[in-house]
Amino acid sequence: MTSMSEQQDRFTVARWTKNFEELDREIGRLALLCRVRILDAGVIGRVLKNDASVCGADNAAAFAKLRDLLMMHLVMREISASEVGHLYTAAIEGHVVTQLRTSFPDLLGHWPPA
């Protein structure tokens, strides 16, 4: 039998997982619109610095929203880490990135996709 605390912990982790999945799916969609290889090393940092040269397509509105959502992801990460801990947050992010790689295989590699 699980304790109330364990049930709450599982619920909290599940809620954070769902929140990150939804946010990161939109980040993936916007990255595809902008043709940004968001999962390549260093690309997220460049987007956060407002470096649109990482884009393979000119879409200023989508790039601005992509940048805003990446900043939101970082804020959510801090809140999640304070609520469920850094290990759970890292595990959640790992799960979400794995799903993104499956759902959006074109986020890595050369543009245009083969």
N, C-alpha and C. Protein backbone atom coordinates (compact mmCIF):
# COMPACT_ATOMS: atom_id res chain seq x y z
N MET A 1 0.84 -1.18 0.00
CA MET A 1 0.00 0.00 0.00
C MET A 1 0.89 1.24 0.00
N THR A 2 0.55 2.18 -0.86
CA THR A 2 1.35 3.42 -0.96
C THR A 2 0.78 4.47 -0.03
N SER A 3 1.67 5.28 0.50
CA SER A 3 1.25 6.35 1.40
C SER A 3 0.67 7.51 0.60
N MET A 4 -0.01 8.39 1.29
CA MET A 4 -0.59 9.58 0.66
C MET A 4 0.52 10.44 0.07
N SER A 5 1.65 10.53 0.77
CA SER A 5 2.78 11.32 0.27
C SER A 5 3.32 10.76 -1.04
N GLU A 6 3.44 9.43 -1.14
CA GLU A 6 3.92 8.80 -2.37
C GLU A 6 2.95 9.03 -3.51
N GLN A 7 1.65 8.97 -3.22
CA GLN A 7 0.64 9.23 -4.25
C GLN A 7 0.72 10.67 -4.73
N GLN A 8 0.89 11.60 -3.81
CA GLN A 8 1.02 13.01 -4.17
C GLN A 8 2.27 13.23 -5.00
N ASP A 9 3.38 12.57 -4.61
CA ASP A 9 4.63 12.70 -5.37
C ASP A 9 4.43 12.20 -6.80
N ARG A 10 3.78 11.05 -6.97
CA ARG A 10 3.55 10.53 -8.32
C ARG A 10 2.65 11.45 -9.13
N PHE A 11 1.62 11.98 -8.48
CA PHE A 11 0.74 12.92 -9.15
C PHE A 11 1.50 14.17 -9.58
N THR A 12 2.34 14.69 -8.69
CA THR A 12 3.11 15.90 -8.99
C THR A 12 4.07 15.66 -10.14
N VAL A 13 4.78 14.54 -10.14
CA VAL A 13 5.70 14.21 -11.24
C VAL A 13 4.92 14.05 -12.53
N ALA A 14 3.77 13.38 -12.49
CA ALA A 14 2.95 13.21 -13.69
C ALA A 14 2.47 14.55 -14.23
N ARG A 15 2.10 15.46 -13.33
CA ARG A 15 1.63 16.78 -13.75
C ARG A 15 2.77 17.56 -14.42
N TRP A 16 3.95 17.53 -13.82
CA TRP A 16 5.09 18.22 -14.42
C TRP A 16 5.47 17.60 -15.75
N THR A 17 5.40 16.28 -15.85
CA THR A 17 5.72 15.61 -17.11
C THR A 17 4.77 16.08 -18.20
N LYS A 18 3.48 16.12 -17.89
CA LYS A 18 2.49 16.57 -18.87
C LYS A 18 2.74 18.02 -19.27
N ASN A 19 3.03 18.88 -18.30
CA ASN A 19 3.29 20.29 -18.60
C ASN A 19 4.51 20.45 -19.52
N PHE A 20 5.60 19.74 -19.23
CA PHE A 20 6.78 19.82 -20.07
C PHE A 20 6.52 19.23 -21.46
N GLU A 21 5.77 18.13 -21.53
CA GLU A 21 5.46 17.54 -22.83
C GLU A 21 4.70 18.52 -23.71
N GLU A 22 3.69 19.18 -23.15
CA GLU A 22 2.89 20.13 -23.93
C GLU A 22 3.74 21.32 -24.38
N LEU A 23 4.49 21.88 -23.46
CA LEU A 23 5.33 23.04 -23.80
C LEU A 23 6.39 22.66 -24.83
N ASP A 24 7.05 21.55 -24.60
CA ASP A 24 8.15 21.17 -25.50
C ASP A 24 7.66 20.69 -26.86
N ARG A 25 6.44 20.17 -26.92
CA ARG A 25 5.87 19.82 -28.23
C ARG A 25 5.66 21.09 -29.06
N GLU A 26 5.20 22.16 -28.40
CA GLU A 26 5.04 23.44 -29.10
C GLU A 26 6.40 24.02 -29.49
N ILE A 27 7.39 23.88 -28.63
CA ILE A 27 8.74 24.31 -28.97
C ILE A 27 9.23 23.55 -30.20
N GLY A 28 8.99 22.25 -30.24
CA GLY A 28 9.38 21.44 -31.40
C GLY A 28 8.68 21.88 -32.67
N ARG A 29 7.38 22.17 -32.56
CA ARG A 29 6.62 22.62 -33.73
C ARG A 29 7.17 23.95 -34.25
N LEU A 30 7.45 24.87 -33.36
CA LEU A 30 8.00 26.16 -33.76
C LEU A 30 9.41 26.02 -34.34
N ALA A 31 10.19 25.12 -33.77
CA ALA A 31 11.53 24.87 -34.30
C ALA A 31 11.45 24.35 -35.73
N LEU A 32 10.46 23.51 -35.99
CA LEU A 32 10.28 23.03 -37.36
C LEU A 32 9.87 24.16 -38.30
N LEU A 33 8.97 25.03 -37.84
CA LEU A 33 8.55 26.17 -38.66
C LEU A 33 9.74 27.07 -39.01
N CYS A 34 10.61 27.27 -38.03
CA CYS A 34 11.78 28.13 -38.23
C CYS A 34 12.96 27.37 -38.83
N ARG A 35 12.81 26.06 -38.92
CA ARG A 35 13.90 25.17 -39.38
C ARG A 35 15.14 25.37 -38.53
N VAL A 36 14.92 25.28 -37.22
CA VAL A 36 15.99 25.38 -36.22
C VAL A 36 16.24 23.98 -35.68
N ARG A 37 17.47 23.54 -35.73
CA ARG A 37 17.85 22.24 -35.18
C ARG A 37 18.04 22.40 -33.67
N ILE A 38 16.93 22.52 -32.98
CA ILE A 38 16.89 22.91 -31.58
C ILE A 38 17.65 21.95 -30.66
N LEU A 39 17.75 20.68 -31.03
CA LEU A 39 18.41 19.71 -30.17
C LEU A 39 19.91 19.58 -30.46
N ASP A 40 20.42 20.32 -31.44
CA ASP A 40 21.86 20.34 -31.69
C ASP A 40 22.56 21.14 -30.59
N ALA A 41 23.78 20.77 -30.31
CA ALA A 41 24.55 21.43 -29.25
C ALA A 41 24.66 22.94 -29.50
N GLY A 42 24.39 23.71 -28.46
CA GLY A 42 24.56 25.16 -28.51
C GLY A 42 23.42 25.94 -29.13
N VAL A 43 22.48 25.27 -29.77
CA VAL A 43 21.43 25.98 -30.49
C VAL A 43 20.46 26.66 -29.53
N ILE A 44 20.09 25.99 -28.46
CA ILE A 44 19.15 26.61 -27.51
C ILE A 44 19.74 27.90 -26.97
N GLY A 45 21.01 27.90 -26.62
CA GLY A 45 21.66 29.11 -26.12
C GLY A 45 21.63 30.23 -27.13
N ARG A 46 21.83 29.89 -28.39
CA ARG A 46 21.80 30.92 -29.44
C ARG A 46 20.40 31.49 -29.62
N VAL A 47 19.39 30.63 -29.54
CA VAL A 47 18.00 31.12 -29.65
C VAL A 47 17.71 32.04 -28.46
N LEU A 48 18.13 31.63 -27.26
CA LEU A 48 17.89 32.47 -26.08
C LEU A 48 18.58 33.82 -26.19
N LYS A 49 19.70 33.87 -26.92
CA LYS A 49 20.41 35.13 -27.15
C LYS A 49 19.84 35.90 -28.34
N ASN A 50 18.70 35.39 -28.85
CA ASN A 50 17.99 36.04 -29.96
C ASN A 50 18.78 36.02 -31.26
N ASP A 51 19.55 34.97 -31.47
CA ASP A 51 20.37 34.80 -32.67
C ASP A 51 19.55 34.05 -33.73
N ALA A 52 18.87 34.79 -34.58
CA ALA A 52 18.02 34.20 -35.61
C ALA A 52 18.81 33.55 -36.73
N SER A 53 20.13 33.67 -36.71
CA SER A 53 20.93 33.04 -37.77
C SER A 53 20.88 31.51 -37.67
N VAL A 54 20.35 30.97 -36.58
CA VAL A 54 20.20 29.51 -36.46
C VAL A 54 19.00 29.01 -37.27
N CYS A 55 18.20 29.93 -37.77
CA CYS A 55 16.99 29.58 -38.53
C CYS A 55 17.34 29.25 -39.98
N GLY A 56 16.67 28.25 -40.51
CA GLY A 56 16.78 27.94 -41.92
C GLY A 56 15.64 28.55 -42.71
N ALA A 57 14.69 29.17 -42.00
CA ALA A 57 13.55 29.83 -42.65
C ALA A 57 13.30 31.15 -41.92
N ASP A 58 12.90 32.15 -42.67
CA ASP A 58 12.63 33.46 -42.10
C ASP A 58 11.19 33.51 -41.61
N ASN A 59 11.02 33.47 -40.29
CA ASN A 59 9.69 33.53 -39.69
C ASN A 59 9.85 34.21 -38.33
N ALA A 60 9.91 35.54 -38.35
CA ALA A 60 10.21 36.32 -37.15
C ALA A 60 9.22 36.06 -36.02
N ALA A 61 7.94 35.96 -36.35
CA ALA A 61 6.93 35.75 -35.30
C ALA A 61 7.12 34.39 -34.63
N ALA A 62 7.34 33.35 -35.42
CA ALA A 62 7.55 32.02 -34.87
C ALA A 62 8.84 31.96 -34.05
N PHE A 63 9.89 32.63 -34.52
CA PHE A 63 11.16 32.64 -33.79
C PHE A 63 10.99 33.35 -32.44
N ALA A 64 10.27 34.45 -32.42
CA ALA A 64 10.04 35.18 -31.16
C ALA A 64 9.28 34.30 -30.17
N LYS A 65 8.27 33.61 -30.66
CA LYS A 65 7.49 32.72 -29.79
C LYS A 65 8.35 31.55 -29.33
N LEU A 66 9.18 31.01 -30.21
CA LEU A 66 10.09 29.93 -29.85
C LEU A 66 10.99 30.37 -28.70
N ARG A 67 11.57 31.54 -28.83
CA ARG A 67 12.46 32.08 -27.80
C ARG A 67 11.71 32.26 -26.48
N ASP A 68 10.51 32.82 -26.55
CA ASP A 68 9.70 33.02 -25.34
C ASP A 68 9.39 31.69 -24.66
N LEU A 69 9.04 30.67 -25.45
CA LEU A 69 8.71 29.37 -24.87
C LEU A 69 9.94 28.68 -24.28
N LEU A 70 11.10 28.90 -24.89
CA LEU A 70 12.33 28.35 -24.29
C LEU A 70 12.61 29.01 -22.95
N MET A 71 12.37 30.32 -22.85
CA MET A 71 12.55 31.00 -21.57
C MET A 71 11.54 30.47 -20.54
N MET A 72 10.31 30.22 -21.00
CA MET A 72 9.30 29.66 -20.12
C MET A 72 9.73 28.27 -19.63
N HIS A 73 10.31 27.49 -20.53
CA HIS A 73 10.79 26.16 -20.15
C HIS A 73 11.81 26.27 -19.02
N LEU A 74 12.73 27.22 -19.11
CA LEU A 74 13.75 27.39 -18.08
C LEU A 74 13.13 27.78 -16.74
N VAL A 75 12.13 28.63 -16.77
CA VAL A 75 11.44 29.02 -15.54
C VAL A 75 10.71 27.81 -14.95
N MET A 76 10.02 27.08 -15.80
CA MET A 76 9.31 25.87 -15.35
C MET A 76 10.29 24.87 -14.75
N ARG A 77 11.47 24.77 -15.34
CA ARG A 77 12.47 23.83 -14.84
C ARG A 77 12.88 24.19 -13.41
N GLU A 78 13.07 25.46 -13.15
CA GLU A 78 13.44 25.89 -11.80
C GLU A 78 12.32 25.60 -10.80
N ILE A 79 11.10 25.88 -11.19
CA ILE A 79 9.96 25.64 -10.30
C ILE A 79 9.80 24.13 -10.07
N SER A 80 9.91 23.35 -11.13
CA SER A 80 9.81 21.90 -11.01
C SER A 80 10.89 21.35 -10.09
N ALA A 81 12.11 21.83 -10.26
CA ALA A 81 13.22 21.36 -9.44
C ALA A 81 12.98 21.68 -7.96
N SER A 82 12.39 22.82 -7.67
CA SER A 82 12.12 23.16 -6.27
C SER A 82 10.96 22.33 -5.72
N GLU A 83 10.07 21.90 -6.60
CA GLU A 83 8.90 21.14 -6.15
C GLU A 83 9.17 19.64 -6.07
N VAL A 84 9.81 19.07 -7.07
CA VAL A 84 10.01 17.61 -7.08
C VAL A 84 11.48 17.21 -7.00
N GLY A 85 12.38 18.17 -7.08
CA GLY A 85 13.81 17.88 -6.98
C GLY A 85 14.48 17.85 -8.34
N HIS A 86 15.77 18.04 -8.31
CA HIS A 86 16.55 18.09 -9.55
C HIS A 86 16.59 16.74 -10.27
N LEU A 87 16.65 15.65 -9.53
CA LEU A 87 16.73 14.33 -10.17
C LEU A 87 15.45 14.00 -10.94
N TYR A 88 14.30 14.25 -10.31
CA TYR A 88 13.04 14.01 -11.02
C TYR A 88 12.91 14.94 -12.22
N THR A 89 13.29 16.19 -12.05
CA THR A 89 13.20 17.14 -13.16
C THR A 89 14.08 16.70 -14.31
N ALA A 90 15.30 16.26 -14.02
CA ALA A 90 16.19 15.78 -15.08
C ALA A 90 15.61 14.55 -15.76
N ALA A 91 15.01 13.66 -14.99
CA ALA A 91 14.39 12.46 -15.57
C ALA A 91 13.20 12.83 -16.46
N ILE A 92 12.41 13.79 -16.02
CA ILE A 92 11.26 14.26 -16.81
C ILE A 92 11.77 14.85 -18.13
N GLU A 93 12.77 15.71 -18.05
CA GLU A 93 13.30 16.34 -19.27
C GLU A 93 13.89 15.29 -20.21
N GLY A 94 14.59 14.30 -19.66
CA GLY A 94 15.13 13.23 -20.49
C GLY A 94 14.04 12.48 -21.22
N HIS A 95 12.96 12.20 -20.52
CA HIS A 95 11.80 11.53 -21.13
C HIS A 95 11.21 12.38 -22.25
N VAL A 96 11.05 13.67 -21.98
CA VAL A 96 10.45 14.58 -22.97
C VAL A 96 11.36 14.70 -24.20
N VAL A 97 12.66 14.83 -24.01
CA VAL A 97 13.59 14.94 -25.15
C VAL A 97 13.55 13.67 -25.99
N THR A 98 13.47 12.53 -25.33
CA THR A 98 13.37 11.26 -26.08
C THR A 98 12.11 11.25 -26.93
N GLN A 99 11.00 11.72 -26.36
CA GLN A 99 9.76 11.79 -27.13
C GLN A 99 9.88 12.77 -28.28
N LEU A 100 10.52 13.91 -28.05
CA LEU A 100 10.70 14.90 -29.12
C LEU A 100 11.54 14.33 -30.25
N ARG A 101 12.59 13.61 -29.90
CA ARG A 101 13.43 13.00 -30.94
C ARG A 101 12.63 12.02 -31.79
N THR A 102 11.68 11.34 -31.17
CA THR A 102 10.83 10.39 -31.90
C THR A 102 9.77 11.13 -32.71
N SER A 103 9.12 12.10 -32.08
CA SER A 103 8.02 12.82 -32.74
C SER A 103 8.51 13.82 -33.79
N PHE A 104 9.68 14.40 -33.56
CA PHE A 104 10.22 15.42 -34.45
C PHE A 104 11.66 15.05 -34.84
N PRO A 105 11.84 14.00 -35.62
CA PRO A 105 13.20 13.57 -35.96
C PRO A 105 13.98 14.64 -36.73
N ASP A 106 13.31 15.59 -37.33
CA ASP A 106 13.98 16.62 -38.12
C ASP A 106 14.57 17.74 -37.26
N LEU A 107 14.43 17.65 -35.93
CA LEU A 107 15.01 18.66 -35.06
C LEU A 107 16.53 18.49 -34.96
N LEU A 108 17.03 17.36 -35.41
CA LEU A 108 18.47 17.11 -35.46
C LEU A 108 18.88 16.92 -36.90
N GLY A 109 20.10 17.18 -37.21
CA GLY A 109 20.61 16.89 -38.54
C GLY A 109 20.57 18.07 -39.47
N HIS A 110 20.80 17.81 -40.72
CA HIS A 110 20.93 18.87 -41.71
C HIS A 110 19.59 19.25 -42.32
N TRP A 111 19.47 20.54 -42.66
CA TRP A 111 18.29 21.03 -43.37
C TRP A 111 18.62 21.15 -44.83
N PRO A 112 17.74 20.88 -45.72
CA PRO A 112 16.42 20.33 -45.43
C PRO A 112 16.53 18.85 -45.09
N PRO A 113 15.55 18.32 -44.35
CA PRO A 113 15.57 16.91 -44.01
C PRO A 113 15.51 16.05 -45.28
N ALA A 114 16.14 14.91 -45.21
CA ALA A 114 16.17 14.00 -46.37
C ALA A 114 14.84 13.33 -46.58
